[in-house]
Amino acid sequence: MEDLQIANCSELTTNDCNEKLKLIQKDQYNQPDIVKVLDTSIKNEYFNLFNKDLIRFNSFSSELLERISSLIAITNTTKKKHCD
């Protein structure tokens, strides 16, 4: 705290210095913690990528289901032709 006072209050009165120090401390407390910011950013990126993967998987699953249904229909049609 003394270093902060010396650096910021060299030409100020005691009251002015105290007010300035209060503002500096307030600014320091109001600044976001970089670890929390990075953690949130990383989590958001991870979940965005995860959501994209889920969308791709859903699309692939739907396409695969359509192809399987088509193969089943073809198989059923072929069975009917051979049985008749």
PDB file of N, CA and C in Angstrom:
ATOM      1  N   MET A   1       0.831  -1.194   0.000  1.00  0.00           N
ATOM      2  CA  MET A   1       0.000   0.000   0.000  1.00  0.00           C
ATOM      3  C   MET A   1       0.875   1.257   0.000  1.00  0.00           C
ATOM      4  N   GLU A   2       2.025   1.203   0.698  1.00  0.00           N
ATOM      5  CA  GLU A   2       2.899   2.375   0.756  1.00  0.00           C
ATOM      6  C   GLU A   2       3.448   2.719  -0.620  1.00  0.00           C
ATOM      7  N   ASP A   3       3.815   1.704  -1.394  1.00  0.00           N
ATOM      8  CA  ASP A   3       4.311   1.955  -2.752  1.00  0.00           C
ATOM      9  C   ASP A   3       3.249   2.651  -3.583  1.00  0.00           C
ATOM     10  N   LEU A   4       2.008   2.209  -3.413  1.00  0.00           N
ATOM     11  CA  LEU A   4       0.889   2.807  -4.133  1.00  0.00           C
ATOM     12  C   LEU A   4       0.730   4.268  -3.732  1.00  0.00           C
ATOM     13  N   GLN A   5       0.863   4.545  -2.448  1.00  0.00           N
ATOM     14  CA  GLN A   5       0.738   5.923  -1.976  1.00  0.00           C
ATOM     15  C   GLN A   5       1.866   6.795  -2.510  1.00  0.00           C
ATOM     16  N   ILE A   6       3.067   6.296  -2.475  1.00  0.00           N
ATOM     17  CA  ILE A   6       4.218   7.074  -2.952  1.00  0.00           C
ATOM     18  C   ILE A   6       4.083   7.359  -4.443  1.00  0.00           C
ATOM     19  N   ALA A   7       3.689   6.368  -5.219  1.00  0.00           N
ATOM     20  CA  ALA A   7       3.592   6.523  -6.668  1.00  0.00           C
ATOM     21  C   ALA A   7       2.468   7.453  -7.078  1.00  0.00           C
ATOM     22  N   ASN A   8       1.384   7.474  -6.345  1.00  0.00           N
ATOM     23  CA  ASN A   8       0.205   8.219  -6.768  1.00  0.00           C
ATOM     24  C   ASN A   8      -0.078   9.485  -5.977  1.00  0.00           C
ATOM     25  N   CYS A   9       0.642   9.726  -4.910  1.00  0.00           N
ATOM     26  CA  CYS A   9       0.303  10.856  -4.042  1.00  0.00           C
ATOM     27  C   CYS A   9       1.475  11.797  -3.790  1.00  0.00           C
ATOM     28  N   SER A  10       2.452  11.794  -4.632  1.00  0.00           N
ATOM     29  CA  SER A  10       3.655  12.575  -4.353  1.00  0.00           C
ATOM     30  C   SER A  10       3.390  14.070  -4.208  1.00  0.00           C
ATOM     31  N   GLU A  11       2.405  14.601  -4.934  1.00  0.00           N
ATOM     32  CA  GLU A  11       2.168  16.047  -4.865  1.00  0.00           C
ATOM     33  C   GLU A  11       0.768  16.380  -4.364  1.00  0.00           C
ATOM     34  N   LEU A  12       0.133  15.476  -3.650  1.00  0.00           N
ATOM     35  CA  LEU A  12      -1.235  15.690  -3.191  1.00  0.00           C
ATOM     36  C   LEU A  12      -1.292  15.849  -1.679  1.00  0.00           C
ATOM     37  N   THR A  13      -2.370  16.498  -1.232  1.00  0.00           N
ATOM     38  CA  THR A  13      -2.601  16.579   0.212  1.00  0.00           C
ATOM     39  C   THR A  13      -3.081  15.214   0.698  1.00  0.00           C
ATOM     40  N   THR A  14      -3.119  15.039   1.995  1.00  0.00           N
ATOM     41  CA  THR A  14      -3.519  13.747   2.568  1.00  0.00           C
ATOM     42  C   THR A  14      -4.932  13.365   2.156  1.00  0.00           C
ATOM     43  N   ASN A  15      -5.866  14.300   2.225  1.00  0.00           N
ATOM     44  CA  ASN A  15      -7.257  14.001   1.859  1.00  0.00           C
ATOM     45  C   ASN A  15      -7.376  13.655   0.377  1.00  0.00           C
ATOM     46  N   ASP A  16      -6.716  14.448  -0.464  1.00  0.00           N
ATOM     47  CA  ASP A  16      -6.747  14.163  -1.905  1.00  0.00           C
ATOM     48  C   ASP A  16      -6.106  12.807  -2.205  1.00  0.00           C
ATOM     49  N   CYS A  17      -5.022  12.539  -1.505  1.00  0.00           N
ATOM     50  CA  CYS A  17      -4.332  11.271  -1.697  1.00  0.00           C
ATOM     51  C   CYS A  17      -5.244  10.106  -1.307  1.00  0.00           C
ATOM     52  N   ASN A  18      -5.898  10.223  -0.177  1.00  0.00           N
ATOM     53  CA  ASN A  18      -6.804   9.157   0.266  1.00  0.00           C
ATOM     54  C   ASN A  18      -7.938   8.938  -0.725  1.00  0.00           C
ATOM     55  N   GLU A  19      -8.481  10.020  -1.256  1.00  0.00           N
ATOM     56  CA  GLU A  19      -9.559   9.896  -2.249  1.00  0.00           C
ATOM     57  C   GLU A  19      -9.051   9.203  -3.516  1.00  0.00           C
ATOM     58  N   LYS A  20      -7.859   9.615  -3.944  1.00  0.00           N
ATOM     59  CA  LYS A  20      -7.283   9.005  -5.142  1.00  0.00           C
ATOM     60  C   LYS A  20      -7.013   7.515  -4.920  1.00  0.00           C
ATOM     61  N   LEU A  21      -6.496   7.171  -3.756  1.00  0.00           N
ATOM     62  CA  LEU A  21      -6.235   5.763  -3.445  1.00  0.00           C
ATOM     63  C   LEU A  21      -7.529   4.950  -3.407  1.00  0.00           C
ATOM     64  N   LYS A  22      -8.593   5.539  -2.881  1.00  0.00           N
ATOM     65  CA  LYS A  22      -9.889   4.846  -2.862  1.00  0.00           C
ATOM     66  C   LYS A  22     -10.362   4.553  -4.284  1.00  0.00           C
ATOM     67  N   LEU A  23     -10.197   5.528  -5.176  1.00  0.00           N
ATOM     68  CA  LEU A  23     -10.595   5.322  -6.571  1.00  0.00           C
ATOM     69  C   LEU A  23      -9.757   4.235  -7.237  1.00  0.00           C
ATOM     70  N   ILE A  24      -8.458   4.252  -6.971  1.00  0.00           N
ATOM     71  CA  ILE A  24      -7.568   3.237  -7.549  1.00  0.00           C
ATOM     72  C   ILE A  24      -7.951   1.851  -7.045  1.00  0.00           C
ATOM     73  N   GLN A  25      -8.191   1.737  -5.749  1.00  0.00           N
ATOM     74  CA  GLN A  25      -8.582   0.442  -5.181  1.00  0.00           C
ATOM     75  C   GLN A  25      -9.921  -0.014  -5.743  1.00  0.00           C
ATOM     76  N   LYS A  26     -10.846   0.923  -5.896  1.00  0.00           N
ATOM     77  CA  LYS A  26     -12.159   0.583  -6.453  1.00  0.00           C
ATOM     78  C   LYS A  26     -11.996   0.054  -7.880  1.00  0.00           C
ATOM     79  N   ASP A  27     -11.153   0.703  -8.683  1.00  0.00           N
ATOM     80  CA  ASP A  27     -10.894   0.242 -10.052  1.00  0.00           C
ATOM     81  C   ASP A  27     -10.290  -1.156 -10.055  1.00  0.00           C
ATOM     82  N   GLN A  28      -9.381  -1.400  -9.126  1.00  0.00           N
ATOM     83  CA  GLN A  28      -8.755  -2.723  -9.058  1.00  0.00           C
ATOM     84  C   GLN A  28      -9.786  -3.796  -8.721  1.00  0.00           C
ATOM     85  N   TYR A  29     -10.717  -3.494  -7.837  1.00  0.00           N
ATOM     86  CA  TYR A  29     -11.736  -4.475  -7.458  1.00  0.00           C
ATOM     87  C   TYR A  29     -12.757  -4.682  -8.566  1.00  0.00           C
ATOM     88  N   ASN A  30     -12.991  -3.656  -9.358  1.00  0.00           N
ATOM     89  CA  ASN A  30     -13.998  -3.755 -10.415  1.00  0.00           C
ATOM     90  C   ASN A  30     -13.486  -4.449 -11.671  1.00  0.00           C
ATOM     91  N   GLN A  31     -12.186  -4.615 -11.794  1.00  0.00           N
ATOM     92  CA  GLN A  31     -11.645  -5.284 -12.976  1.00  0.00           C
ATOM     93  C   GLN A  31     -11.911  -6.785 -12.872  1.00  0.00           C
ATOM     94  N   PRO A  32     -12.371  -7.380 -13.962  1.00  0.00           N
ATOM     95  CA  PRO A  32     -12.669  -8.814 -13.908  1.00  0.00           C
ATOM     96  C   PRO A  32     -11.399  -9.647 -13.732  1.00  0.00           C
ATOM     97  N   ASP A  33     -11.543 -10.737 -13.044  1.00  0.00           N
ATOM     98  CA  ASP A  33     -10.441 -11.669 -12.834  1.00  0.00           C
ATOM     99  C   ASP A  33     -10.157 -12.379 -14.157  1.00  0.00           C
ATOM    100  N   ILE A  34      -8.935 -12.267 -14.644  1.00  0.00           N
ATOM    101  CA  ILE A  34      -8.581 -12.818 -15.959  1.00  0.00           C
ATOM    102  C   ILE A  34      -8.789 -14.327 -16.006  1.00  0.00           C
ATOM    103  N   VAL A  35      -8.569 -15.008 -14.902  1.00  0.00           N
ATOM    104  CA  VAL A  35      -8.767 -16.464 -14.870  1.00  0.00           C
ATOM    105  C   VAL A  35     -10.236 -16.796 -15.105  1.00  0.00           C
ATOM    106  N   LYS A  36     -11.129 -16.035 -14.466  1.00  0.00           N
ATOM    107  CA  LYS A  36     -12.567 -16.276 -14.655  1.00  0.00           C
ATOM    108  C   LYS A  36     -12.985 -15.962 -16.088  1.00  0.00           C
ATOM    109  N   VAL A  37     -12.439 -14.893 -16.637  1.00  0.00           N
ATOM    110  CA  VAL A  37     -12.766 -14.512 -18.013  1.00  0.00           C
ATOM    111  C   VAL A  37     -12.309 -15.600 -18.982  1.00  0.00           C
ATOM    112  N   LEU A  38     -11.079 -16.059 -18.822  1.00  0.00           N
ATOM    113  CA  LEU A  38     -10.555 -17.108 -19.700  1.00  0.00           C
ATOM    114  C   LEU A  38     -11.317 -18.414 -19.522  1.00  0.00           C
ATOM    115  N   ASP A  39     -11.628 -18.752 -18.280  1.00  0.00           N
ATOM    116  CA  ASP A  39     -12.375 -19.979 -18.003  1.00  0.00           C
ATOM    117  C   ASP A  39     -13.738 -19.940 -18.681  1.00  0.00           C
ATOM    118  N   THR A  40     -14.418 -18.818 -18.555  1.00  0.00           N
ATOM    119  CA  THR A  40     -15.727 -18.663 -19.190  1.00  0.00           C
ATOM    120  C   THR A  40     -15.602 -18.740 -20.704  1.00  0.00           C
ATOM    121  N   SER A  41     -14.586 -18.094 -21.244  1.00  0.00           N
ATOM    122  CA  SER A  41     -14.369 -18.106 -22.690  1.00  0.00           C
ATOM    123  C   SER A  41     -14.104 -19.522 -23.198  1.00  0.00           C
ATOM    124  N   ILE A  42     -13.262 -20.252 -22.487  1.00  0.00           N
ATOM    125  CA  ILE A  42     -12.941 -21.628 -22.892  1.00  0.00           C
ATOM    126  C   ILE A  42     -14.182 -22.512 -22.819  1.00  0.00           C
ATOM    127  N   LYS A  43     -14.955 -22.368 -21.743  1.00  0.00           N
ATOM    128  CA  LYS A  43     -16.186 -23.160 -21.612  1.00  0.00           C
ATOM    129  C   LYS A  43     -17.164 -22.832 -22.728  1.00  0.00           C
ATOM    130  N   ASN A  44     -17.315 -21.549 -23.039  1.00  0.00           N
ATOM    131  CA  ASN A  44     -18.232 -21.160 -24.114  1.00  0.00           C
ATOM    132  C   ASN A  44     -17.799 -21.751 -25.449  1.00  0.00           C
ATOM    133  N   GLU A  45     -16.504 -21.694 -25.732  1.00  0.00           N
ATOM    134  CA  GLU A  45     -15.991 -22.258 -26.986  1.00  0.00           C
ATOM    135  C   GLU A  45     -16.220 -23.763 -27.027  1.00  0.00           C
ATOM    136  N   TYR A  46     -15.954 -24.433 -25.906  1.00  0.00           N
ATOM    137  CA  TYR A  46     -16.163 -25.885 -25.834  1.00  0.00           C
ATOM    138  C   TYR A  46     -17.626 -26.227 -26.112  1.00  0.00           C
ATOM    139  N   PHE A  47     -18.544 -25.511 -25.455  1.00  0.00           N
ATOM    140  CA  PHE A  47     -19.963 -25.821 -25.641  1.00  0.00           C
ATOM    141  C   PHE A  47     -20.445 -25.462 -27.045  1.00  0.00           C
ATOM    142  N   ASN A  48     -19.881 -24.418 -27.635  1.00  0.00           N
ATOM    143  CA  ASN A  48     -20.228 -24.096 -29.022  1.00  0.00           C
ATOM    144  C   ASN A  48     -19.801 -25.222 -29.959  1.00  0.00           C
ATOM    145  N   LEU A  49     -18.587 -25.717 -29.769  1.00  0.00           N
ATOM    146  CA  LEU A  49     -18.100 -26.825 -30.600  1.00  0.00           C
ATOM    147  C   LEU A  49     -18.912 -28.094 -30.341  1.00  0.00           C
ATOM    148  N   PHE A  50     -19.245 -28.330 -29.091  1.00  0.00           N
ATOM    149  CA  PHE A  50     -20.051 -29.500 -28.734  1.00  0.00           C
ATOM    150  C   PHE A  50     -21.425 -29.418 -29.396  1.00  0.00           C
ATOM    151  N   ASN A  51     -22.030 -28.234 -29.369  1.00  0.00           N
ATOM    152  CA  ASN A  51     -23.334 -28.053 -30.018  1.00  0.00           C
ATOM    153  C   ASN A  51     -23.243 -28.299 -31.521  1.00  0.00           C
ATOM    154  N   LYS A  52     -22.173 -27.811 -32.141  1.00  0.00           N
ATOM    155  CA  LYS A  52     -21.985 -28.047 -33.582  1.00  0.00           C
ATOM    156  C   LYS A  52     -21.848 -29.536 -33.866  1.00  0.00           C
ATOM    157  N   ASP A  53     -21.107 -30.234 -33.009  1.00  0.00           N
ATOM    158  CA  ASP A  53     -20.960 -31.686 -33.181  1.00  0.00           C
ATOM    159  C   ASP A  53     -22.302 -32.394 -33.040  1.00  0.00           C
ATOM    160  N   LEU A  54     -23.106 -31.958 -32.077  1.00  0.00           N
ATOM    161  CA  LEU A  54     -24.435 -32.563 -31.908  1.00  0.00           C
ATOM    162  C   LEU A  54     -25.319 -32.325 -33.125  1.00  0.00           C
ATOM    163  N   ILE A  55     -25.239 -31.137 -33.684  1.00  0.00           N
ATOM    164  CA  ILE A  55     -26.031 -30.824 -34.880  1.00  0.00           C
ATOM    165  C   ILE A  55     -25.587 -31.708 -36.040  1.00  0.00           C
ATOM    166  N   ARG A  56     -24.274 -31.854 -36.219  1.00  0.00           N
ATOM    167  CA  ARG A  56     -23.756 -32.730 -37.282  1.00  0.00           C
ATOM    168  C   ARG A  56     -24.191 -34.177 -37.055  1.00  0.00           C
ATOM    169  N   PHE A  57     -24.091 -34.634 -35.815  1.00  0.00           N
ATOM    170  CA  PHE A  57     -24.481 -36.006 -35.493  1.00  0.00           C
ATOM    171  C   PHE A  57     -25.968 -36.219 -35.760  1.00  0.00           C
ATOM    172  N   ASN A  58     -26.781 -35.255 -35.377  1.00  0.00           N
ATOM    173  CA  ASN A  58     -28.224 -35.349 -35.609  1.00  0.00           C
ATOM    174  C   ASN A  58     -28.518 -35.427 -37.103  1.00  0.00           C
ATOM    175  N   SER A  59     -27.856 -34.602 -37.877  1.00  0.00           N
ATOM    176  CA  SER A  59     -28.031 -34.611 -39.329  1.00  0.00           C
ATOM    177  C   SER A  59     -27.591 -35.954 -39.910  1.00  0.00           C
ATOM    178  N   PHE A  60     -26.437 -36.433 -39.477  1.00  0.00           N
ATOM    179  CA  PHE A  60     -25.924 -37.717 -39.946  1.00  0.00           C
ATOM    180  C   PHE A  60     -26.879 -38.849 -39.557  1.00  0.00           C
ATOM    181  N   SER A  61     -27.384 -38.812 -38.323  1.00  0.00           N
ATOM    182  CA  SER A  61     -28.309 -39.850 -37.853  1.00  0.00           C
ATOM    183  C   SER A  61     -29.584 -39.863 -38.681  1.00  0.00           C
ATOM    184  N   SER A  62     -30.101 -38.685 -38.981  1.00  0.00           N
ATOM    185  CA  SER A  62     -31.320 -38.594 -39.791  1.00  0.00           C
ATOM    186  C   SER A  62     -31.081 -39.162 -41.185  1.00  0.00           C
ATOM    187  N   GLU A  63     -29.951 -38.807 -41.765  1.00  0.00           N
ATOM    188  CA  GLU A  63     -29.607 -39.309 -43.102  1.00  0.00           C
ATOM    189  C   GLU A  63     -29.420 -40.827 -43.072  1.00  0.00           C
ATOM    190  N   LEU A  64     -28.756 -41.321 -42.053  1.00  0.00           N
ATOM    191  CA  LEU A  64     -28.544 -42.761 -41.911  1.00  0.00           C
ATOM    192  C   LEU A  64     -29.876 -43.491 -41.740  1.00  0.00           C
ATOM    193  N   LEU A  65     -30.766 -42.932 -40.946  1.00  0.00           N
ATOM    194  CA  LEU A  65     -32.086 -43.532 -40.746  1.00  0.00           C
ATOM    195  C   LEU A  65     -32.868 -43.588 -42.059  1.00  0.00           C
ATOM    196  N   GLU A  66     -32.789 -42.522 -42.847  1.00  0.00           N
ATOM    197  CA  GLU A  66     -33.463 -42.507 -44.153  1.00  0.00           C
ATOM    198  C   GLU A  66     -32.909 -43.603 -45.061  1.00  0.00           C
ATOM    199  N   ARG A  67     -31.598 -43.761 -45.079  1.00  0.00           N
ATOM    200  CA  ARG A  67     -30.979 -44.786 -45.936  1.00  0.00           C
ATOM    201  C   ARG A  67     -31.355 -46.196 -45.473  1.00  0.00           C
ATOM    202  N   ILE A  68     -31.377 -46.410 -44.164  1.00  0.00           N
ATOM    203  CA  ILE A  68     -31.770 -47.722 -43.636  1.00  0.00           C
ATOM    204  C   ILE A  68     -33.228 -48.007 -43.980  1.00  0.00           C
ATOM    205  N   SER A  69     -34.085 -47.000 -43.812  1.00  0.00           N
ATOM    206  CA  SER A  69     -35.505 -47.170 -44.160  1.00  0.00           C
ATOM    207  C   SER A  69     -35.661 -47.493 -45.636  1.00  0.00           C
ATOM    208  N   SER A  70     -34.882 -46.836 -46.470  1.00  0.00           N
ATOM    209  CA  SER A  70     -34.918 -47.093 -47.907  1.00  0.00           C
ATOM    210  C   SER A  70     -34.476 -48.526 -48.216  1.00  0.00           C
ATOM    211  N   LEU A  71     -33.422 -48.978 -47.563  1.00  0.00           N
ATOM    212  CA  LEU A  71     -32.955 -50.356 -47.762  1.00  0.00           C
ATOM    213  C   LEU A  71     -33.997 -51.375 -47.297  1.00  0.00           C
ATOM    214  N   ILE A  72     -34.659 -51.098 -46.189  1.00  0.00           N
ATOM    215  CA  ILE A  72     -35.712 -51.993 -45.695  1.00  0.00           C
ATOM    216  C   ILE A  72     -36.855 -52.062 -46.697  1.00  0.00           C
ATOM    217  N   ALA A  73     -37.232 -50.900 -47.231  1.00  0.00           N
ATOM    218  CA  ALA A  73     -38.314 -50.868 -48.221  1.00  0.00           C
ATOM    219  C   ALA A  73     -37.927 -51.663 -49.466  1.00  0.00           C
ATOM    220  N   ILE A  74     -36.705 -51.498 -49.927  1.00  0.00           N
ATOM    221  CA  ILE A  74     -36.230 -52.243 -51.107  1.00  0.00           C
ATOM    222  C   ILE A  74     -36.220 -53.744 -50.808  1.00  0.00           C
ATOM    223  N   THR A  75     -35.756 -54.098 -49.629  1.00  0.00           N
ATOM    224  CA  THR A  75     -35.720 -55.513 -49.234  1.00  0.00           C
ATOM    225  C   THR A  75     -37.123 -56.100 -49.188  1.00  0.00           C
ATOM    226  N   ASN A  76     -38.065 -55.367 -48.616  1.00  0.00           N
ATOM    227  CA  ASN A  76     -39.453 -55.842 -48.547  1.00  0.00           C
ATOM    228  C   ASN A  76     -40.052 -56.004 -49.943  1.00  0.00           C
ATOM    229  N   THR A  77     -39.761 -55.062 -50.822  1.00  0.00           N
ATOM    230  CA  THR A  77     -40.261 -55.138 -52.195  1.00  0.00           C
ATOM    231  C   THR A  77     -39.668 -56.352 -52.907  1.00  0.00           C
ATOM    232  N   THR A  78     -38.383 -56.575 -52.718  1.00  0.00           N
ATOM    233  CA  THR A  78     -37.705 -57.708 -53.344  1.00  0.00           C
ATOM    234  C   THR A  78     -38.266 -59.031 -52.814  1.00  0.00           C
ATOM    235  N   LYS A  79     -38.531 -59.107 -51.525  1.00  0.00           N
ATOM    236  CA  LYS A  79     -39.106 -60.319 -50.930  1.00  0.00           C
ATOM    237  C   LYS A  79     -40.466 -60.631 -51.536  1.00  0.00           C
ATOM    238  N   LYS A  80     -41.298 -59.587 -51.690  1.00  0.00           N
ATOM    239  CA  LYS A  80     -42.642 -59.779 -52.253  1.00  0.00           C
ATOM    240  C   LYS A  80     -42.553 -60.316 -53.675  1.00  0.00           C
ATOM    241  N   LYS A  81     -41.608 -59.786 -54.451  1.00  0.00           N
ATOM    242  CA  LYS A  81     -41.468 -60.230 -55.843  1.00  0.00           C
ATOM    243  C   LYS A  81     -41.051 -61.698 -55.900  1.00  0.00           C
ATOM    244  N   HIS A  82     -40.168 -62.113 -55.022  1.00  0.00           N
ATOM    245  CA  HIS A  82     -39.691 -63.495 -55.025  1.00  0.00           C
ATOM    246  C   HIS A  82     -40.731 -64.461 -54.461  1.00  0.00           C
ATOM    247  N   CYS A  83     -41.559 -63.972 -53.569  1.00  0.00           N
ATOM    248  CA  CYS A  83     -42.579 -64.838 -52.967  1.00  0.00           C
ATOM    249  C   CYS A  83     -43.772 -65.036 -53.905  1.00  0.00           C
ATOM    250  N   ASP A  84     -44.013 -64.098 -54.790  1.00  0.00           N
ATOM    251  CA  ASP A  84     -45.175 -64.186 -55.695  1.00  0.00           C
ATOM    252  C   ASP A  84     -44.900 -65.075 -56.817  1.00  0.00           C
TER     253      ASP A  84
END
